[in-house]
Amino acid sequence: MPQMAPILWLPLSSVILMALILLMMNLYFFNKLPSKSKSSNLLNHTSLHWPW
């Protein structure tokens, strides 16, 4: 098991790191928008996912 640890942890840590970077970028650009467009984008996003 210790011999397999580096092989398993390398792609896992890189995927987690990329996900964190993407999340931070999304939050940064989302917060840069004005509050009016932010709420409208959120409403459009939810209505897109839940048509009913």
C-alpha atoms as a PDB file:
ATOM      1  CA  MET A   1       0.000   0.000   0.000  1.00  0.00           C
ATOM      2  CA  PRO A   2       2.747   2.595   0.739  1.00  0.00           C
ATOM      3  CA  GLN A   3       4.243   1.873  -2.709  1.00  0.00           C
ATOM      4  CA  MET A   4       0.892   2.710  -4.373  1.00  0.00           C
ATOM      5  CA  ALA A   5       0.323   5.922  -2.388  1.00  0.00           C
ATOM      6  CA  PRO A   6       2.356   8.318  -4.630  1.00  0.00           C
ATOM      7  CA  ILE A   7       0.741   6.930  -7.795  1.00  0.00           C
ATOM      8  CA  LEU A   8      -2.735   7.514  -6.374  1.00  0.00           C
ATOM      9  CA  TRP A   9      -2.083  10.836  -4.635  1.00  0.00           C
ATOM     10  CA  LEU A  10      -0.433  12.652  -7.544  1.00  0.00           C
ATOM     11  CA  PRO A  11      -3.453  12.784  -9.922  1.00  0.00           C
ATOM     12  CA  LEU A  12      -5.868  13.186  -7.011  1.00  0.00           C
ATOM     13  CA  SER A  13      -4.035  16.195  -5.597  1.00  0.00           C
ATOM     14  CA  SER A  14      -3.694  17.776  -9.053  1.00  0.00           C
ATOM     15  CA  VAL A  15      -7.434  17.370  -9.708  1.00  0.00           C
ATOM     16  CA  ILE A  16      -8.259  18.876  -6.309  1.00  0.00           C
ATOM     17  CA  LEU A  17      -5.869  21.761  -6.952  1.00  0.00           C
ATOM     18  CA  MET A  18      -7.409  22.470 -10.367  1.00  0.00           C
ATOM     19  CA  ALA A  19     -10.924  22.341  -8.895  1.00  0.00           C
ATOM     20  CA  LEU A  20      -9.923  24.803  -6.161  1.00  0.00           C
ATOM     21  CA  ILE A  21      -8.381  27.183  -8.714  1.00  0.00           C
ATOM     22  CA  LEU A  22     -11.499  27.035 -10.904  1.00  0.00           C
ATOM     23  CA  LEU A  23     -13.741  27.616  -7.891  1.00  0.00           C
ATOM     24  CA  MET A  24     -11.679  30.634  -6.801  1.00  0.00           C
ATOM     25  CA  MET A  25     -11.756  32.072 -10.328  1.00  0.00           C
ATOM     26  CA  ASN A  26     -15.528  31.603 -10.560  1.00  0.00           C
ATOM     27  CA  LEU A  27     -16.058  33.270  -7.189  1.00  0.00           C
ATOM     28  CA  TYR A  28     -13.723  36.138  -8.162  1.00  0.00           C
ATOM     29  CA  PHE A  29     -15.466  36.870 -11.466  1.00  0.00           C
ATOM     30  CA  PHE A  30     -18.891  36.333  -9.890  1.00  0.00           C
ATOM     31  CA  ASN A  31     -18.157  38.889  -7.161  1.00  0.00           C
ATOM     32  CA  LYS A  32     -16.774  41.379  -9.712  1.00  0.00           C
ATOM     33  CA  LEU A  33     -20.200  41.577 -11.380  1.00  0.00           C
ATOM     34  CA  PRO A  34     -22.734  44.155 -10.163  1.00  0.00           C
ATOM     35  CA  SER A  35     -25.351  42.862  -7.748  1.00  0.00           C
ATOM     36  CA  LYS A  36     -28.187  43.387 -10.264  1.00  0.00           C
ATOM     37  CA  SER A  37     -26.650  41.183 -12.954  1.00  0.00           C
ATOM     38  CA  LYS A  38     -25.561  38.709 -10.261  1.00  0.00           C
ATOM     39  CA  SER A  39     -29.140  38.162  -9.079  1.00  0.00           C
ATOM     40  CA  SER A  40     -30.481  37.967 -12.639  1.00  0.00           C
ATOM     41  CA  ASN A  41     -27.787  35.461 -13.596  1.00  0.00           C
ATOM     42  CA  LEU A  42     -28.635  33.385 -10.536  1.00  0.00           C
ATOM     43  CA  LEU A  43     -32.344  33.463 -11.426  1.00  0.00           C
ATOM     44  CA  ASN A  44     -31.655  32.482 -15.024  1.00  0.00           C
ATOM     45  CA  HIS A  45     -29.384  29.681 -13.853  1.00  0.00           C
ATOM     46  CA  THR A  46     -31.960  28.234 -11.453  1.00  0.00           C
ATOM     47  CA  SER A  47     -34.824  28.563 -13.953  1.00  0.00           C
ATOM     48  CA  LEU A  48     -32.653  26.833 -16.539  1.00  0.00           C
ATOM     49  CA  HIS A  49     -32.096  23.875 -14.209  1.00  0.00           C
ATOM     50  CA  TRP A  50     -35.668  23.753 -12.872  1.00  0.00           C
ATOM     51  CA  PRO A  51     -38.070  24.485 -15.766  1.00  0.00           C
ATOM     52  CA  TRP A  52     -41.126  23.833 -13.628  1.00  0.00           C
END
